[in-house]
Amino acid sequence: MNLKIVSPQAIEEHEVVWIEIFTPDGNFVIQKHYAPTTFLLVAGKEFIYRHRTGKQESTLLEQGGILQITRKEARLVVN
């Protein structure tokens, strides 16, 4: 699954196996072919993802963010 992280400073792209997010309704693990949806992400929580190589990374979302899911792509928009 392609992950795009969009911020005012840059756009990053990664090929990932899964993404873990924290929302006001709880946490979710997103994988390829997840139902298309949009999530509001909680400020002060980590956005965690695993690359196809097995490397796991995380980003602290200081101000929260919005994650849009399609069948082939996830797009995280942060400020």
PDB file of N, CA and C in Angstrom:
ATOM      1  N   MET A   1       0.857  -1.166   0.000  1.00  0.00           N
ATOM      2  CA  MET A   1       0.000   0.000   0.000  1.00  0.00           C
ATOM      3  C   MET A   1       0.904   1.231   0.000  1.00  0.00           C
ATOM      4  N   ASN A   2       0.520   2.207  -0.783  1.00  0.00           N
ATOM      5  CA  ASN A   2       1.279   3.447  -0.849  1.00  0.00           C
ATOM      6  C   ASN A   2       0.796   4.390   0.255  1.00  0.00           C
ATOM      7  N   LEU A   3       1.721   4.951   1.012  1.00  0.00           N
ATOM      8  CA  LEU A   3       1.417   5.927   2.061  1.00  0.00           C
ATOM      9  C   LEU A   3       2.047   7.253   1.673  1.00  0.00           C
ATOM     10  N   LYS A   4       1.221   8.297   1.621  1.00  0.00           N
ATOM     11  CA  LYS A   4       1.726   9.653   1.390  1.00  0.00           C
ATOM     12  C   LYS A   4       1.504  10.454   2.659  1.00  0.00           C
ATOM     13  N   ILE A   5       2.565  11.104   3.132  1.00  0.00           N
ATOM     14  CA  ILE A   5       2.477  11.983   4.289  1.00  0.00           C
ATOM     15  C   ILE A   5       2.688  13.401   3.773  1.00  0.00           C
ATOM     16  N   VAL A   6       1.624  14.207   3.866  1.00  0.00           N
ATOM     17  CA  VAL A   6       1.636  15.559   3.318  1.00  0.00           C
ATOM     18  C   VAL A   6       1.671  16.555   4.466  1.00  0.00           C
ATOM     19  N   SER A   7       2.682  17.425   4.446  1.00  0.00           N
ATOM     20  CA  SER A   7       2.807  18.491   5.439  1.00  0.00           C
ATOM     21  C   SER A   7       3.183  19.775   4.698  1.00  0.00           C
ATOM     22  N   PRO A   8       3.123  20.930   5.361  1.00  0.00           N
ATOM     23  CA  PRO A   8       3.531  22.162   4.689  1.00  0.00           C
ATOM     24  C   PRO A   8       4.998  22.134   4.229  1.00  0.00           C
ATOM     25  N   GLN A   9       5.826  21.322   4.869  1.00  0.00           N
ATOM     26  CA  GLN A   9       7.247  21.273   4.547  1.00  0.00           C
ATOM     27  C   GLN A   9       7.587  20.327   3.395  1.00  0.00           C
ATOM     28  N   ALA A  10       6.850  19.206   3.271  1.00  0.00           N
ATOM     29  CA  ALA A  10       7.232  18.194   2.280  1.00  0.00           C
ATOM     30  C   ALA A  10       6.118  17.175   2.064  1.00  0.00           C
ATOM     31  N   ILE A  11       6.313  16.368   1.039  1.00  0.00           N
ATOM     32  CA  ILE A  11       5.461  15.204   0.790  1.00  0.00           C
ATOM     33  C   ILE A  11       6.373  13.990   0.790  1.00  0.00           C
ATOM     34  N   GLU A  12       6.085  13.033   1.661  1.00  0.00           N
ATOM     35  CA  GLU A  12       6.863  11.798   1.735  1.00  0.00           C
ATOM     36  C   GLU A  12       6.012  10.660   1.200  1.00  0.00           C
ATOM     37  N   GLU A  13       6.643   9.705   0.532  1.00  0.00           N
ATOM     38  CA  GLU A  13       5.939   8.521   0.057  1.00  0.00           C
ATOM     39  C   GLU A  13       6.659   7.278   0.548  1.00  0.00           C
ATOM     40  N   HIS A  14       5.873   6.294   0.999  1.00  0.00           N
ATOM     41  CA  HIS A  14       6.408   5.042   1.512  1.00  0.00           C
ATOM     42  C   HIS A  14       5.532   3.891   1.028  1.00  0.00           C
ATOM     43  N   GLU A  15       6.148   2.733   0.811  1.00  0.00           N
ATOM     44  CA  GLU A  15       5.400   1.506   0.576  1.00  0.00           C
ATOM     45  C   GLU A  15       5.313   0.791   1.914  1.00  0.00           C
ATOM     46  N   VAL A  16       4.095   0.579   2.413  1.00  0.00           N
ATOM     47  CA  VAL A  16       3.906   0.015   3.746  1.00  0.00           C
ATOM     48  C   VAL A  16       3.010  -1.215   3.710  1.00  0.00           C
ATOM     49  N   VAL A  17       3.129  -2.027   4.746  1.00  0.00           N
ATOM     50  CA  VAL A  17       2.305  -3.222   4.903  1.00  0.00           C
ATOM     51  C   VAL A  17       1.065  -2.896   5.720  1.00  0.00           C
ATOM     52  N   TRP A  18       1.248  -2.104   6.782  1.00  0.00           N
ATOM     53  CA  TRP A  18       0.124  -1.684   7.614  1.00  0.00           C
ATOM     54  C   TRP A  18       0.414  -0.346   8.273  1.00  0.00           C
ATOM     55  N   ILE A  19      -0.668   0.267   8.761  1.00  0.00           N
ATOM     56  CA  ILE A  19      -0.613   1.543   9.465  1.00  0.00           C
ATOM     57  C   ILE A  19      -1.453   1.398  10.724  1.00  0.00           C
ATOM     58  N   GLU A  20      -0.964   1.903  11.856  1.00  0.00           N
ATOM     59  CA  GLU A  20      -1.773   1.937  13.073  1.00  0.00           C
ATOM     60  C   GLU A  20      -2.054   3.400  13.414  1.00  0.00           C
ATOM     61  N   ILE A  21      -3.349   3.682  13.658  1.00  0.00           N
ATOM     62  CA  ILE A  21      -3.755   5.060  13.945  1.00  0.00           C
ATOM     63  C   ILE A  21      -4.575   5.110  15.228  1.00  0.00           C
ATOM     64  N   PHE A  22      -4.611   6.298  15.814  1.00  0.00           N
ATOM     65  CA  PHE A  22      -5.396   6.546  17.020  1.00  0.00           C
ATOM     66  C   PHE A  22      -6.402   7.641  16.707  1.00  0.00           C
ATOM     67  N   THR A  23      -7.690   7.332  16.899  1.00  0.00           N
ATOM     68  CA  THR A  23      -8.786   8.256  16.611  1.00  0.00           C
ATOM     69  C   THR A  23      -9.568   8.495  17.896  1.00  0.00           C
ATOM     70  N   PRO A  24     -10.490   9.451  17.904  1.00  0.00           N
ATOM     71  CA  PRO A  24     -11.336   9.637  19.088  1.00  0.00           C
ATOM     72  C   PRO A  24     -12.175   8.396  19.421  1.00  0.00           C
ATOM     73  N   ASP A  25     -12.378   7.504  18.430  1.00  0.00           N
ATOM     74  CA  ASP A  25     -13.172   6.288  18.641  1.00  0.00           C
ATOM     75  C   ASP A  25     -12.336   5.055  18.949  1.00  0.00           C
ATOM     76  N   GLY A  26     -11.011   5.212  19.081  1.00  0.00           N
ATOM     77  CA  GLY A  26     -10.140   4.079  19.377  1.00  0.00           C
ATOM     78  C   GLY A  26      -9.039   3.952  18.341  1.00  0.00           C
ATOM     79  N   ASN A  27      -8.264   2.862  18.439  1.00  0.00           N
ATOM     80  CA  ASN A  27      -7.185   2.677  17.476  1.00  0.00           C
ATOM     81  C   ASN A  27      -7.584   1.656  16.416  1.00  0.00           C
ATOM     82  N   PHE A  28      -6.986   1.804  15.229  1.00  0.00           N
ATOM     83  CA  PHE A  28      -7.280   0.950  14.086  1.00  0.00           C
ATOM     84  C   PHE A  28      -5.977   0.571  13.407  1.00  0.00           C
ATOM     85  N   VAL A  29      -5.962  -0.617  12.806  1.00  0.00           N
ATOM     86  CA  VAL A  29      -4.850  -1.043  11.958  1.00  0.00           C
ATOM     87  C   VAL A  29      -5.390  -1.102  10.534  1.00  0.00           C
ATOM     88  N   ILE A  30      -4.731  -0.397   9.645  1.00  0.00           N
ATOM     89  CA  ILE A  30      -5.149  -0.277   8.256  1.00  0.00           C
ATOM     90  C   ILE A  30      -4.197  -1.094   7.392  1.00  0.00           C
ATOM     91  N   GLN A  31      -4.766  -1.940   6.523  1.00  0.00           N
ATOM     92  CA  GLN A  31      -3.972  -2.700   5.573  1.00  0.00           C
ATOM     93  C   GLN A  31      -4.505  -2.458   4.166  1.00  0.00           C
ATOM     94  N   LYS A  32      -3.777  -2.958   3.180  1.00  0.00           N
ATOM     95  CA  LYS A  32      -4.188  -2.808   1.786  1.00  0.00           C
ATOM     96  C   LYS A  32      -5.616  -3.315   1.602  1.00  0.00           C
ATOM     97  N   HIS A  33      -6.378  -2.652   0.785  1.00  0.00           N
ATOM     98  CA  HIS A  33      -7.775  -2.970   0.466  1.00  0.00           C
ATOM     99  C   HIS A  33      -8.733  -2.677   1.616  1.00  0.00           C
ATOM    100  N   TYR A  34      -8.321  -1.855   2.569  1.00  0.00           N
ATOM    101  CA  TYR A  34      -9.217  -1.410   3.643  1.00  0.00           C
ATOM    102  C   TYR A  34     -10.344  -0.604   2.994  1.00  0.00           C
ATOM    103  N   ALA A  35     -11.511  -0.654   3.581  1.00  0.00           N
ATOM    104  CA  ALA A  35     -12.653   0.094   3.041  1.00  0.00           C
ATOM    105  C   ALA A  35     -12.333   1.585   2.982  1.00  0.00           C
ATOM    106  N   PRO A  36     -12.619   2.242   1.864  1.00  0.00           N
ATOM    107  CA  PRO A  36     -12.346   3.678   1.755  1.00  0.00           C
ATOM    108  C   PRO A  36     -13.062   4.467   2.848  1.00  0.00           C
ATOM    109  N   THR A  37     -12.326   5.313   3.511  1.00  0.00           N
ATOM    110  CA  THR A  37     -12.873   6.118   4.600  1.00  0.00           C
ATOM    111  C   THR A  37     -11.914   7.253   4.933  1.00  0.00           C
ATOM    112  N   THR A  38     -12.351   8.128   5.801  1.00  0.00           N
ATOM    113  CA  THR A  38     -11.520   9.227   6.284  1.00  0.00           C
ATOM    114  C   THR A  38     -11.546   9.218   7.803  1.00  0.00           C
ATOM    115  N   PHE A  39     -10.375   9.352   8.427  1.00  0.00           N
ATOM    116  CA  PHE A  39     -10.252   9.344   9.881  1.00  0.00           C
ATOM    117  C   PHE A  39      -9.702  10.668  10.380  1.00  0.00           C
ATOM    118  N   LEU A  40     -10.213  11.138  11.503  1.00  0.00           N
ATOM    119  CA  LEU A  40      -9.648  12.265  12.232  1.00  0.00           C
ATOM    120  C   LEU A  40      -8.709  11.672  13.274  1.00  0.00           C
ATOM    121  N   LEU A  41      -7.438  12.061  13.272  1.00  0.00           N
ATOM    122  CA  LEU A  41      -6.447  11.477  14.172  1.00  0.00           C
ATOM    123  C   LEU A  41      -6.234  12.361  15.396  1.00  0.00           C
ATOM    124  N   VAL A  42      -6.023  11.718  16.518  1.00  0.00           N
ATOM    125  CA  VAL A  42      -5.894  12.391  17.805  1.00  0.00           C
ATOM    126  C   VAL A  42      -4.538  13.081  17.925  1.00  0.00           C
ATOM    127  N   ALA A  43      -4.536  14.308  18.415  1.00  0.00           N
ATOM    128  CA  ALA A  43      -3.296  15.046  18.666  1.00  0.00           C
ATOM    129  C   ALA A  43      -2.536  14.402  19.823  1.00  0.00           C
ATOM    130  N   GLY A  44      -1.209  14.406  19.728  1.00  0.00           N
ATOM    131  CA  GLY A  44      -0.372  13.877  20.793  1.00  0.00           C
ATOM    132  C   GLY A  44      -0.172  12.376  20.754  1.00  0.00           C
ATOM    133  N   LYS A  45      -0.684  11.695  19.725  1.00  0.00           N
ATOM    134  CA  LYS A  45      -0.511  10.246  19.580  1.00  0.00           C
ATOM    135  C   LYS A  45       0.419   9.966  18.403  1.00  0.00           C
ATOM    136  N   GLU A  46       0.961   8.747  18.385  1.00  0.00           N
ATOM    137  CA  GLU A  46       1.852   8.365  17.305  1.00  0.00           C
ATOM    138  C   GLU A  46       1.072   7.796  16.119  1.00  0.00           C
ATOM    139  N   PHE A  47       1.595   8.014  14.952  1.00  0.00           N
ATOM    140  CA  PHE A  47       1.137   7.422  13.702  1.00  0.00           C
ATOM    141  C   PHE A  47       2.201   6.393  13.357  1.00  0.00           C
ATOM    142  N   ILE A  48       1.849   5.115  13.383  1.00  0.00           N
ATOM    143  CA  ILE A  48       2.831   4.035  13.264  1.00  0.00           C
ATOM    144  C   ILE A  48       2.623   3.301  11.944  1.00  0.00           C
ATOM    145  N   TYR A  49       3.724   2.978  11.263  1.00  0.00           N
ATOM    146  CA  TYR A  49       3.604   2.216  10.018  1.00  0.00           C
ATOM    147  C   TYR A  49       4.800   1.292   9.842  1.00  0.00           C
ATOM    148  N   ARG A  50       4.561   0.187   9.111  1.00  0.00           N
ATOM    149  CA  ARG A  50       5.615  -0.798   8.864  1.00  0.00           C
ATOM    150  C   ARG A  50       5.889  -0.878   7.368  1.00  0.00           C
ATOM    151  N   HIS A  51       7.154  -0.704   7.023  1.00  0.00           N
ATOM    152  CA  HIS A  51       7.592  -0.814   5.630  1.00  0.00           C
ATOM    153  C   HIS A  51       7.581  -2.274   5.195  1.00  0.00           C
ATOM    154  N   ARG A  52       7.614  -2.489   3.902  1.00  0.00           N
ATOM    155  CA  ARG A  52       7.678  -3.865   3.371  1.00  0.00           C
ATOM    156  C   ARG A  52       8.955  -4.576   3.792  1.00  0.00           C
ATOM    157  N   THR A  53       9.992  -3.817   4.111  1.00  0.00           N
ATOM    158  CA  THR A  53      11.263  -4.410   4.534  1.00  0.00           C
ATOM    159  C   THR A  53      11.203  -4.930   5.974  1.00  0.00           C
ATOM    160  N   GLY A  54      10.119  -4.590   6.690  1.00  0.00           N
ATOM    161  CA  GLY A  54       9.987  -4.988   8.086  1.00  0.00           C
ATOM    162  C   GLY A  54      10.311  -3.873   9.061  1.00  0.00           C
ATOM    163  N   LYS A  55      10.912  -2.804   8.561  1.00  0.00           N
ATOM    164  CA  LYS A  55      11.245  -1.664   9.416  1.00  0.00           C
ATOM    165  C   LYS A  55       9.965  -0.951   9.834  1.00  0.00           C
ATOM    166  N   GLN A  56       9.883  -0.655  11.108  1.00  0.00           N
ATOM    167  CA  GLN A  56       8.713   0.038  11.652  1.00  0.00           C
ATOM    168  C   GLN A  56       9.106   1.463  12.025  1.00  0.00           C
ATOM    169  N   GLU A  57       8.266   2.438  11.648  1.00  0.00           N
ATOM    170  CA  GLU A  57       8.518   3.841  11.966  1.00  0.00           C
ATOM    171  C   GLU A  57       7.280   4.442  12.605  1.00  0.00           C
ATOM    172  N   SER A  58       7.489   5.549  13.295  1.00  0.00           N
ATOM    173  CA  SER A  58       6.358   6.266  13.877  1.00  0.00           C
ATOM    174  C   SER A  58       6.632   7.763  13.820  1.00  0.00           C
ATOM    175  N   THR A  59       5.544   8.510  13.794  1.00  0.00           N
ATOM    176  CA  THR A  59       5.596   9.965  13.778  1.00  0.00           C
ATOM    177  C   THR A  59       4.637  10.465  14.840  1.00  0.00           C
ATOM    178  N   LEU A  60       5.107  11.346  15.697  1.00  0.00           N
ATOM    179  CA  LEU A  60       4.235  11.941  16.704  1.00  0.00           C
ATOM    180  C   LEU A  60       3.401  13.030  16.042  1.00  0.00           C
ATOM    181  N   LEU A  61       2.084  12.911  16.146  1.00  0.00           N
ATOM    182  CA  LEU A  61       1.178  13.903  15.565  1.00  0.00           C
ATOM    183  C   LEU A  61       0.846  14.932  16.633  1.00  0.00           C
ATOM    184  N   GLU A  62       1.665  15.949  16.721  1.00  0.00           N
ATOM    185  CA  GLU A  62       1.504  16.959  17.772  1.00  0.00           C
ATOM    186  C   GLU A  62       0.160  17.673  17.696  1.00  0.00           C
ATOM    187  N   GLN A  63      -0.325  17.905  16.466  1.00  0.00           N
ATOM    188  CA  GLN A  63      -1.586  18.619  16.300  1.00  0.00           C
ATOM    189  C   GLN A  63      -2.668  17.751  15.683  1.00  0.00           C
ATOM    190  N   GLY A  64      -2.462  16.449  15.660  1.00  0.00           N
ATOM    191  CA  GLY A  64      -3.427  15.553  15.037  1.00  0.00           C
ATOM    192  C   GLY A  64      -3.255  15.550  13.530  1.00  0.00           C
ATOM    193  N   GLY A  65      -4.257  15.060  12.835  1.00  0.00           N
ATOM    194  CA  GLY A  65      -4.182  15.005  11.381  1.00  0.00           C
ATOM    195  C   GLY A  65      -5.422  14.357  10.814  1.00  0.00           C
ATOM    196  N   ILE A  66      -5.426  14.215   9.501  1.00  0.00           N
ATOM    197  CA  ILE A  66      -6.517  13.566   8.792  1.00  0.00           C
ATOM    198  C   ILE A  66      -5.904  12.485   7.914  1.00  0.00           C
ATOM    199  N   LEU A  67      -6.483  11.287   7.969  1.00  0.00           N
ATOM    200  CA  LEU A  67      -6.013  10.173   7.147  1.00  0.00           C
ATOM    201  C   LEU A  67      -7.136   9.773   6.204  1.00  0.00           C
ATOM    202  N   GLN A  68      -6.865   9.837   4.907  1.00  0.00           N
ATOM    203  CA  GLN A  68      -7.827   9.431   3.902  1.00  0.00           C
ATOM    204  C   GLN A  68      -7.365   8.099   3.324  1.00  0.00           C
ATOM    205  N   ILE A  69      -8.274   7.121   3.314  1.00  0.00           N
ATOM    206  CA  ILE A  69      -7.963   5.780   2.821  1.00  0.00           C
ATOM    207  C   ILE A  69      -8.719   5.521   1.526  1.00  0.00           C
ATOM    208  N   THR A  70      -8.012   5.016   0.516  1.00  0.00           N
ATOM    209  CA  THR A  70      -8.645   4.477  -0.679  1.00  0.00           C
ATOM    210  C   THR A  70      -8.246   3.008  -0.746  1.00  0.00           C
ATOM    211  N   ARG A  71      -8.684   2.305  -1.754  1.00  0.00           N
ATOM    212  CA  ARG A  71      -8.330   0.874  -1.857  1.00  0.00           C
ATOM    213  C   ARG A  71      -6.837   0.656  -2.073  1.00  0.00           C
ATOM    214  N   LYS A  72      -6.132   1.647  -2.617  1.00  0.00           N
ATOM    215  CA  LYS A  72      -4.716   1.455  -2.954  1.00  0.00           C
ATOM    216  C   LYS A  72      -3.780   2.412  -2.224  1.00  0.00           C
ATOM    217  N   GLU A  73      -4.318   3.444  -1.566  1.00  0.00           N
ATOM    218  CA  GLU A  73      -3.450   4.475  -1.015  1.00  0.00           C
ATOM    219  C   GLU A  73      -3.991   5.001   0.304  1.00  0.00           C
ATOM    220  N   ALA A  74      -3.063   5.430   1.140  1.00  0.00           N
ATOM    221  CA  ALA A  74      -3.412   6.146   2.379  1.00  0.00           C
ATOM    222  C   ALA A  74      -2.700   7.485   2.310  1.00  0.00           C
ATOM    223  N   ARG A  75      -3.444   8.560   2.616  1.00  0.00           N
ATOM    224  CA  ARG A  75      -2.857   9.898   2.563  1.00  0.00           C
ATOM    225  C   ARG A  75      -3.067  10.559   3.908  1.00  0.00           C
ATOM    226  N   LEU A  76      -1.962  10.845   4.610  1.00  0.00           N
ATOM    227  CA  LEU A  76      -1.987  11.540   5.893  1.00  0.00           C
ATOM    228  C   LEU A  76      -1.688  13.005   5.652  1.00  0.00           C
ATOM    229  N   VAL A  77      -2.573  13.883   6.132  1.00  0.00           N
ATOM    230  CA  VAL A  77      -2.378  15.323   6.006  1.00  0.00           C
ATOM    231  C   VAL A  77      -2.184  15.870   7.424  1.00  0.00           C
ATOM    232  N   VAL A  78      -1.032  16.514   7.639  1.00  0.00           N
ATOM    233  CA  VAL A  78      -0.709  17.086   8.943  1.00  0.00           C
ATOM    234  C   VAL A  78      -0.321  18.551   8.766  1.00  0.00           C
ATOM    235  N   ASN A  79      -0.440  19.294   9.849  1.00  0.00           N
ATOM    236  CA  ASN A  79      -0.087  20.713   9.821  1.00  0.00           C
ATOM    237  C   ASN A  79       1.302  20.913  10.392  1.00  0.00           C
TER     238      ASN A  79
END
